[in-house]
Amino acid sequence: MGWLPELVCCCLSIACLVVIVVLLKTYDGRRLADWPLSVSLNTLIAFLAAICQAALTVPLTEGLSQLKWNSFARGEKPLAELQTFEDAKRGPVGSAVLLCKRRGRCG
């Protein structure tokens, strides 16, 4: 099975992003009365954005997990740094901290 779930989720995320761009480009400057569906354009965009975000979470989480275990397998980091990798999976602040620590820019 390998990387198939991550690849599918990446493709789904890209597809949602493309659909969002096409919808916004198509209906730019048009009146809402021109919208053919019963749900509003804003609702559809929000739904597609949520799918895009959720689908992108899968490969990012798996990639961070792989990075964590590769780092510890090489003996790069002390065991206390395990929490930094776990925090990076949980939100943007933890991700920023991990980026700073891995690049050596933020002490």
N, C-alpha and C. Protein backbone atom coordinates (compact mmCIF):
# COMPACT_ATOMS: atom_id res chain seq x y z
N MET A 1 0.83 -1.18 0.00
CA MET A 1 0.00 0.00 0.00
C MET A 1 0.88 1.25 0.00
N GLY A 2 1.90 1.29 0.83
CA GLY A 2 2.88 2.36 0.79
C GLY A 2 2.32 3.76 0.93
N TRP A 3 2.60 4.57 -0.06
CA TRP A 3 2.25 5.98 -0.02
C TRP A 3 0.92 6.30 -0.70
N LEU A 4 0.13 5.29 -1.03
CA LEU A 4 -1.12 5.51 -1.75
C LEU A 4 -2.10 6.43 -1.02
N PRO A 5 -2.37 6.24 0.28
CA PRO A 5 -3.31 7.16 0.94
C PRO A 5 -2.84 8.62 0.92
N GLU A 6 -1.53 8.82 1.13
CA GLU A 6 -1.00 10.18 1.11
C GLU A 6 -1.10 10.79 -0.29
N LEU A 7 -0.83 9.99 -1.30
CA LEU A 7 -0.92 10.47 -2.67
C LEU A 7 -2.36 10.82 -3.05
N VAL A 8 -3.30 9.97 -2.65
CA VAL A 8 -4.71 10.23 -2.93
C VAL A 8 -5.16 11.52 -2.23
N CYS A 9 -4.75 11.68 -0.97
CA CYS A 9 -5.14 12.89 -0.23
C CYS A 9 -4.52 14.15 -0.84
N CYS A 10 -3.29 14.06 -1.30
CA CYS A 10 -2.66 15.21 -1.98
C CYS A 10 -3.42 15.56 -3.25
N CYS A 11 -3.77 14.56 -4.03
CA CYS A 11 -4.53 14.80 -5.27
C CYS A 11 -5.90 15.39 -4.97
N LEU A 12 -6.56 14.89 -3.93
CA LEU A 12 -7.87 15.43 -3.55
C LEU A 12 -7.75 16.89 -3.11
N SER A 13 -6.73 17.19 -2.35
CA SER A 13 -6.52 18.56 -1.89
C SER A 13 -6.25 19.50 -3.06
N ILE A 14 -5.41 19.07 -3.99
CA ILE A 14 -5.12 19.89 -5.17
C ILE A 14 -6.36 20.06 -6.03
N ALA A 15 -7.14 18.99 -6.18
CA ALA A 15 -8.37 19.07 -6.97
C ALA A 15 -9.36 20.07 -6.36
N CYS A 16 -9.51 20.04 -5.04
CA CYS A 16 -10.41 20.99 -4.36
C CYS A 16 -9.92 22.42 -4.56
N LEU A 17 -8.62 22.62 -4.47
CA LEU A 17 -8.07 23.96 -4.66
C LEU A 17 -8.32 24.45 -6.08
N VAL A 18 -8.15 23.58 -7.05
CA VAL A 18 -8.39 23.95 -8.45
C VAL A 18 -9.87 24.29 -8.66
N VAL A 19 -10.76 23.50 -8.09
CA VAL A 19 -12.20 23.77 -8.22
C VAL A 19 -12.54 25.11 -7.58
N ILE A 20 -11.96 25.42 -6.44
CA ILE A 20 -12.19 26.71 -5.79
C ILE A 20 -11.76 27.85 -6.70
N VAL A 21 -10.56 27.73 -7.26
CA VAL A 21 -10.05 28.79 -8.14
C VAL A 21 -10.94 28.96 -9.37
N VAL A 22 -11.34 27.84 -9.98
CA VAL A 22 -12.19 27.91 -11.17
C VAL A 22 -13.55 28.52 -10.83
N LEU A 23 -14.14 28.12 -9.72
CA LEU A 23 -15.43 28.70 -9.32
C LEU A 23 -15.33 30.20 -9.08
N LEU A 24 -14.29 30.61 -8.36
CA LEU A 24 -14.15 32.02 -8.07
C LEU A 24 -13.87 32.83 -9.34
N LYS A 25 -13.08 32.27 -10.23
CA LYS A 25 -12.79 32.96 -11.49
C LYS A 25 -14.04 33.04 -12.36
N THR A 26 -14.82 31.97 -12.40
CA THR A 26 -16.02 31.93 -13.23
C THR A 26 -17.09 32.89 -12.74
N TYR A 27 -17.28 32.98 -11.44
CA TYR A 27 -18.36 33.79 -10.89
C TYR A 27 -17.89 35.14 -10.37
N ASP A 28 -16.68 35.54 -10.70
CA ASP A 28 -16.16 36.85 -10.32
C ASP A 28 -16.94 37.95 -11.04
N GLY A 29 -17.51 38.85 -10.28
CA GLY A 29 -18.24 39.98 -10.85
C GLY A 29 -19.69 39.67 -11.22
N ARG A 30 -20.13 38.45 -11.08
CA ARG A 30 -21.52 38.09 -11.40
C ARG A 30 -22.41 38.33 -10.19
N ARG A 31 -23.69 38.47 -10.48
CA ARG A 31 -24.67 38.61 -9.41
C ARG A 31 -24.97 37.24 -8.81
N LEU A 32 -25.39 37.24 -7.56
CA LEU A 32 -25.74 35.98 -6.91
C LEU A 32 -26.94 35.32 -7.55
N ALA A 33 -27.78 36.09 -8.22
CA ALA A 33 -28.94 35.51 -8.91
C ALA A 33 -28.51 34.58 -10.05
N ASP A 34 -27.29 34.75 -10.55
CA ASP A 34 -26.77 33.89 -11.62
C ASP A 34 -26.31 32.52 -11.11
N TRP A 35 -26.20 32.37 -9.81
CA TRP A 35 -25.72 31.13 -9.21
C TRP A 35 -26.80 30.05 -9.33
N PRO A 36 -26.49 28.90 -9.97
CA PRO A 36 -27.52 27.90 -10.27
C PRO A 36 -27.89 26.95 -9.14
N LEU A 37 -27.08 26.83 -8.12
CA LEU A 37 -27.33 25.84 -7.06
C LEU A 37 -28.16 26.41 -5.93
N SER A 38 -28.73 25.50 -5.12
CA SER A 38 -29.55 25.94 -3.99
C SER A 38 -28.67 26.39 -2.81
N VAL A 39 -27.46 25.88 -2.71
CA VAL A 39 -26.53 26.36 -1.68
C VAL A 39 -25.78 27.56 -2.23
N SER A 40 -25.37 28.45 -1.34
CA SER A 40 -24.69 29.66 -1.80
C SER A 40 -23.26 29.35 -2.24
N LEU A 41 -22.71 30.26 -2.99
CA LEU A 41 -21.32 30.12 -3.45
C LEU A 41 -20.38 30.10 -2.25
N ASN A 42 -20.66 30.94 -1.26
CA ASN A 42 -19.82 30.96 -0.05
C ASN A 42 -19.82 29.62 0.66
N THR A 43 -20.98 28.99 0.74
CA THR A 43 -21.09 27.68 1.40
C THR A 43 -20.28 26.64 0.65
N LEU A 44 -20.38 26.64 -0.66
CA LEU A 44 -19.63 25.66 -1.46
C LEU A 44 -18.13 25.88 -1.33
N ILE A 45 -17.69 27.14 -1.35
CA ILE A 45 -16.27 27.44 -1.20
C ILE A 45 -15.78 27.00 0.17
N ALA A 46 -16.55 27.27 1.21
CA ALA A 46 -16.17 26.86 2.57
C ALA A 46 -16.08 25.34 2.69
N PHE A 47 -17.03 24.65 2.07
CA PHE A 47 -17.02 23.18 2.09
C PHE A 47 -15.79 22.63 1.38
N LEU A 48 -15.50 23.16 0.20
CA LEU A 48 -14.33 22.71 -0.55
C LEU A 48 -13.04 23.03 0.19
N ALA A 49 -12.98 24.19 0.83
CA ALA A 49 -11.79 24.56 1.60
C ALA A 49 -11.58 23.62 2.78
N ALA A 50 -12.67 23.21 3.43
CA ALA A 50 -12.57 22.28 4.55
C ALA A 50 -12.07 20.91 4.08
N ILE A 51 -12.57 20.45 2.94
CA ILE A 51 -12.09 19.18 2.38
C ILE A 51 -10.62 19.29 2.01
N CYS A 52 -10.25 20.40 1.40
CA CYS A 52 -8.86 20.63 1.01
C CYS A 52 -7.94 20.58 2.23
N GLN A 53 -8.34 21.26 3.29
CA GLN A 53 -7.54 21.29 4.50
C GLN A 53 -7.45 19.91 5.16
N ALA A 54 -8.56 19.21 5.24
CA ALA A 54 -8.57 17.89 5.86
C ALA A 54 -7.73 16.89 5.06
N ALA A 55 -7.84 16.96 3.74
CA ALA A 55 -7.07 16.04 2.90
C ALA A 55 -5.58 16.32 3.00
N LEU A 56 -5.21 17.58 3.14
CA LEU A 56 -3.79 17.92 3.24
C LEU A 56 -3.20 17.55 4.59
N THR A 57 -4.04 17.39 5.59
CA THR A 57 -3.58 17.02 6.92
C THR A 57 -2.95 15.63 6.93
N VAL A 58 -3.48 14.72 6.15
CA VAL A 58 -2.98 13.33 6.15
C VAL A 58 -1.52 13.25 5.73
N PRO A 59 -1.14 13.75 4.53
CA PRO A 59 0.27 13.64 4.16
C PRO A 59 1.20 14.47 5.04
N LEU A 60 0.72 15.61 5.52
CA LEU A 60 1.58 16.42 6.39
C LEU A 60 1.85 15.71 7.72
N THR A 61 0.84 15.10 8.29
CA THR A 61 1.01 14.37 9.55
C THR A 61 1.93 13.17 9.36
N GLU A 62 1.73 12.44 8.28
CA GLU A 62 2.58 11.28 8.01
C GLU A 62 4.03 11.70 7.75
N GLY A 63 4.19 12.80 7.04
CA GLY A 63 5.55 13.31 6.78
C GLY A 63 6.25 13.74 8.05
N LEU A 64 5.53 14.42 8.94
CA LEU A 64 6.12 14.82 10.21
C LEU A 64 6.48 13.61 11.07
N SER A 65 5.63 12.59 11.04
CA SER A 65 5.94 11.37 11.79
C SER A 65 7.21 10.71 11.25
N GLN A 66 7.34 10.65 9.95
CA GLN A 66 8.53 10.06 9.35
C GLN A 66 9.77 10.89 9.68
N LEU A 67 9.65 12.21 9.62
CA LEU A 67 10.77 13.09 9.96
C LEU A 67 11.20 12.89 11.41
N LYS A 68 10.22 12.73 12.30
CA LYS A 68 10.51 12.52 13.72
C LYS A 68 11.33 11.25 13.91
N TRP A 69 10.87 10.15 13.33
CA TRP A 69 11.58 8.89 13.56
C TRP A 69 12.91 8.85 12.84
N ASN A 70 13.03 9.48 11.70
CA ASN A 70 14.34 9.56 11.03
C ASN A 70 15.32 10.35 11.87
N SER A 71 14.85 11.43 12.46
CA SER A 71 15.71 12.27 13.28
C SER A 71 16.22 11.51 14.50
N PHE A 72 15.35 10.78 15.15
CA PHE A 72 15.77 10.03 16.33
C PHE A 72 16.58 8.80 15.97
N ALA A 73 16.35 8.21 14.83
CA ALA A 73 17.12 7.03 14.42
C ALA A 73 18.58 7.40 14.15
N ARG A 74 18.80 8.63 13.67
CA ARG A 74 20.16 9.09 13.42
C ARG A 74 20.82 9.64 14.67
N GLY A 75 20.06 9.77 15.73
CA GLY A 75 20.61 10.27 16.98
C GLY A 75 20.83 11.77 16.97
N GLU A 76 20.10 12.51 16.12
CA GLU A 76 20.28 13.95 16.01
C GLU A 76 19.78 14.70 17.24
N LYS A 77 18.69 14.26 17.80
CA LYS A 77 18.01 15.03 18.85
C LYS A 77 17.89 14.21 20.13
N PRO A 78 17.89 14.89 21.27
CA PRO A 78 17.60 14.19 22.52
C PRO A 78 16.13 13.79 22.56
N LEU A 79 15.83 12.85 23.39
CA LEU A 79 14.47 12.33 23.48
C LEU A 79 13.46 13.40 23.89
N ALA A 80 13.91 14.43 24.60
CA ALA A 80 13.01 15.51 25.01
C ALA A 80 12.46 16.27 23.81
N GLU A 81 13.15 16.22 22.68
CA GLU A 81 12.69 16.90 21.47
C GLU A 81 11.50 16.21 20.82
N LEU A 82 11.16 15.04 21.29
CA LEU A 82 10.00 14.31 20.75
C LEU A 82 8.73 15.15 20.86
N GLN A 83 8.60 15.91 21.92
CA GLN A 83 7.41 16.75 22.12
C GLN A 83 7.33 17.85 21.05
N THR A 84 8.46 18.35 20.58
CA THR A 84 8.46 19.37 19.54
C THR A 84 7.83 18.84 18.27
N PHE A 85 8.15 17.62 17.90
CA PHE A 85 7.56 17.00 16.72
C PHE A 85 6.08 16.76 16.91
N GLU A 86 5.69 16.33 18.10
CA GLU A 86 4.27 16.09 18.37
C GLU A 86 3.48 17.40 18.33
N ASP A 87 4.05 18.47 18.86
CA ASP A 87 3.37 19.77 18.83
C ASP A 87 3.22 20.29 17.40
N ALA A 88 4.17 19.96 16.54
CA ALA A 88 4.10 20.42 15.15
C ALA A 88 2.90 19.81 14.43
N LYS A 89 2.47 18.64 14.84
CA LYS A 89 1.30 18.00 14.24
C LYS A 89 0.00 18.66 14.66
N ARG A 90 0.04 19.40 15.75
CA ARG A 90 -1.20 19.91 16.34
C ARG A 90 -1.55 21.34 15.96
N GLY A 91 -0.67 22.04 15.27
CA GLY A 91 -1.04 23.39 14.90
C GLY A 91 0.09 24.22 14.36
N PRO A 92 -0.24 25.42 13.94
CA PRO A 92 0.75 26.28 13.29
C PRO A 92 1.86 26.76 14.22
N VAL A 93 1.56 26.96 15.49
CA VAL A 93 2.60 27.43 16.42
C VAL A 93 3.65 26.34 16.62
N GLY A 94 3.19 25.11 16.82
CA GLY A 94 4.13 24.00 16.97
C GLY A 94 4.95 23.77 15.70
N SER A 95 4.32 23.97 14.55
CA SER A 95 5.04 23.83 13.28
C SER A 95 6.12 24.90 13.14
N ALA A 96 5.79 26.12 13.55
CA ALA A 96 6.77 27.21 13.47
C ALA A 96 7.95 26.93 14.40
N VAL A 97 7.67 26.42 15.58
CA VAL A 97 8.74 26.09 16.53
C VAL A 97 9.64 25.00 15.94
N LEU A 98 9.03 23.99 15.34
CA LEU A 98 9.82 22.92 14.73
C LEU A 98 10.69 23.46 13.60
N LEU A 99 10.12 24.31 12.76
CA LEU A 99 10.91 24.90 11.66
C LEU A 99 12.09 25.68 12.19
N CYS A 100 11.87 26.45 13.22
CA CYS A 100 12.96 27.23 13.79
C CYS A 100 14.04 26.33 14.37
N LYS A 101 13.64 25.29 15.06
CA LYS A 101 14.64 24.39 15.68
C LYS A 101 15.38 23.58 14.63
N ARG A 102 14.70 23.15 13.58
CA ARG A 102 15.35 22.34 12.56
C ARG A 102 16.29 23.16 11.69
N ARG A 103 15.99 24.43 11.50
CA ARG A 103 16.85 25.31 10.68
C ARG A 103 17.90 26.02 11.50
N GLY A 104 17.73 26.00 12.83
CA GLY A 104 18.71 26.65 13.69
C GLY A 104 18.60 28.16 13.72
N ARG A 105 17.49 28.72 13.28
CA ARG A 105 17.36 30.17 13.21
C ARG A 105 16.84 30.79 14.51
N CYS A 106 16.10 30.04 15.29
CA CYS A 106 15.47 30.62 16.48
C CYS A 106 16.02 30.03 17.77
N GLY A 107 17.26 29.83 17.83
CA GLY A 107 17.88 29.36 19.06
C GLY A 107 17.66 27.99 19.32
